[in-house]
Protein backbone atom coordinates (compact mmCIF):
# COMPACT_ATOMS: atom_id res chain seq x y z
CA MET A 1 0.00 0.00 0.00
CA LEU A 2 1.37 3.38 -0.99
CA LEU A 3 1.22 6.25 1.47
CA THR A 4 0.84 9.92 0.72
CA VAL A 5 3.37 12.25 2.33
CA PRO A 6 0.81 13.45 4.93
CA GLU A 7 -0.02 9.83 5.79
CA LEU A 8 3.65 8.95 6.12
CA LEU A 9 4.32 11.98 8.32
CA ALA A 10 1.35 11.12 10.56
CA LYS A 11 2.63 7.57 10.95
CA ILE A 12 6.19 8.65 11.72
CA ARG A 13 5.19 11.43 14.15
CA GLY A 14 3.52 8.88 16.39
CA GLU A 15 6.95 7.37 17.01
CA LEU A 16 8.94 10.59 17.51
CA ARG A 17 9.41 13.19 20.19
CA ILE A 18 8.05 16.56 19.03
CA LEU A 19 8.32 19.96 20.72
CA ASP A 20 7.53 23.55 19.84
CA ALA A 21 10.47 25.87 19.22
CA VAL A 22 10.49 27.65 22.59
CA SER A 23 10.42 24.39 24.58
CA ALA A 24 12.99 22.74 22.32
CA PHE A 25 15.52 25.57 22.51
CA SER A 26 15.17 25.87 26.28
CA GLU A 27 15.72 22.14 26.68
CA CYS A 28 18.55 22.15 24.16
CA ASP A 29 20.36 24.80 26.19
CA ASP A 30 19.83 22.83 29.42
CA LYS A 31 21.12 19.60 27.85
CA SER A 32 23.93 21.20 25.77
CA GLY A 33 22.35 19.77 22.64
CA ILE A 34 22.73 20.69 18.99
CA VAL A 35 20.11 22.24 16.72
CA ILE A 36 20.24 21.00 13.14
CA ASP A 37 18.50 22.90 10.35
CA VAL A 38 17.75 20.48 7.48
CA ARG A 39 16.65 23.16 5.00
CA GLU A 40 18.51 23.75 1.75
CA PRO A 41 21.34 26.35 1.80
CA GLY A 42 19.32 28.87 -0.23
CA GLU A 43 16.49 28.70 2.31
CA VAL A 44 18.94 29.21 5.17
CA GLN A 45 20.50 32.18 3.39
CA ALA A 46 17.08 33.77 2.84
CA LYS A 47 15.94 33.25 6.43
CA PRO A 48 18.75 32.17 8.77
CA ALA A 49 18.00 30.50 12.09
CA GLU A 50 20.87 31.77 14.24
CA GLY A 51 22.64 29.09 16.23
CA SER A 52 21.47 26.21 14.06
CA VAL A 53 23.89 23.98 12.20
CA ASN A 54 22.78 23.60 8.57
CA ILE A 55 22.95 20.04 7.25
CA PRO A 56 20.53 19.78 4.32
CA ARG A 57 18.13 16.84 4.45
CA GLY A 58 19.58 15.37 1.26
CA VAL A 59 23.04 14.86 2.81
CA LEU A 60 22.14 14.45 6.49
CA GLU A 61 23.05 10.78 6.77
CA MET A 62 26.44 11.41 5.17
CA MET A 63 27.35 14.49 7.23
CA VAL A 64 25.76 14.20 10.67
CA LEU A 65 28.56 12.10 12.14
CA GLU A 66 30.96 14.99 11.52
CA LYS A 67 28.90 17.15 13.92
CA VAL A 68 27.42 14.58 16.34
CA LYS A 69 29.74 11.75 17.29
CA GLU A 70 27.83 10.32 20.27
CA ALA A 71 24.57 8.38 19.86
CA SER A 72 23.19 9.89 23.08
CA HIS A 73 23.97 13.53 22.28
CA PRO A 74 20.69 15.53 22.23
CA ILE A 75 19.71 16.54 18.70
CA TYR A 76 16.92 19.01 17.86
CA ILE A 77 15.91 19.16 14.21
CA HIS A 78 13.96 21.84 12.36
CA CYS A 79 13.14 22.83 8.80
CA ALA A 80 10.66 25.28 7.28
CA SER A 81 7.49 23.49 8.40
CA GLY A 82 8.38 20.33 10.32
CA ALA A 83 7.94 17.84 7.46
CA ARG A 84 11.60 17.38 6.49
CA ALA A 85 12.58 17.52 10.15
CA THR A 86 10.22 14.62 10.84
CA LEU A 87 11.73 12.53 8.03
CA ALA A 88 15.23 13.48 9.18
CA ALA A 89 14.52 12.45 12.77
CA GLU A 90 13.32 9.05 11.61
CA GLN A 91 16.56 8.56 9.68
CA LEU A 92 18.70 9.63 12.64
CA HIS A 93 16.96 7.02 14.79
CA ARG A 94 17.76 4.42 12.13
CA LEU A 95 21.41 5.50 12.25
CA GLY A 96 21.45 4.89 16.00
CA TYR A 97 20.90 8.31 17.55
CA ASP A 98 18.63 7.94 20.55
CA ASP A 99 17.93 11.49 21.75
CA VAL A 100 16.33 13.16 18.72
CA THR A 101 13.57 15.76 18.92
CA VAL A 102 11.61 17.31 16.07
CA ILE A 103 10.92 21.03 16.29
CA SER A 104 7.58 21.06 14.54
CA CYS A 105 6.57 24.58 13.62
CA SER A 106 7.12 27.19 10.96
CA ILE A 107 10.54 28.69 10.31
CA ASP A 108 9.11 32.03 11.49
CA ALA A 109 8.34 30.47 14.89
CA VAL A 110 11.83 28.96 15.00
CA CYS A 111 13.46 32.32 14.27
CA GLU A 112 11.27 34.12 16.82
CA ALA A 113 12.18 31.59 19.52
CA LEU A 114 15.88 32.12 18.81
CA GLU A 115 15.69 35.91 19.28
């Protein structure tokens, strides 16, 4: 059975930890975590999210180990809307990371929470 993207996201989200931007950034600070922005470089250039490390979704699996070497290191992932972040979080769990949180909100909310 084929799934639509909204159906896939709904299925995945039931298995992931999801927070709003304000809660995620507060917790990230407390736990000395890392915030990963999985948007494309052009999107980041147009609307930067200060303090986030940009690793585009398309190369996340190949590049994340350069930034996060420990499976238990807290990772908080965002994108423009939460969709790519959800897919990215699922992949990070498959790679073995066990403390991954999706920041599920608009990029405007992410940027506001970082101010």
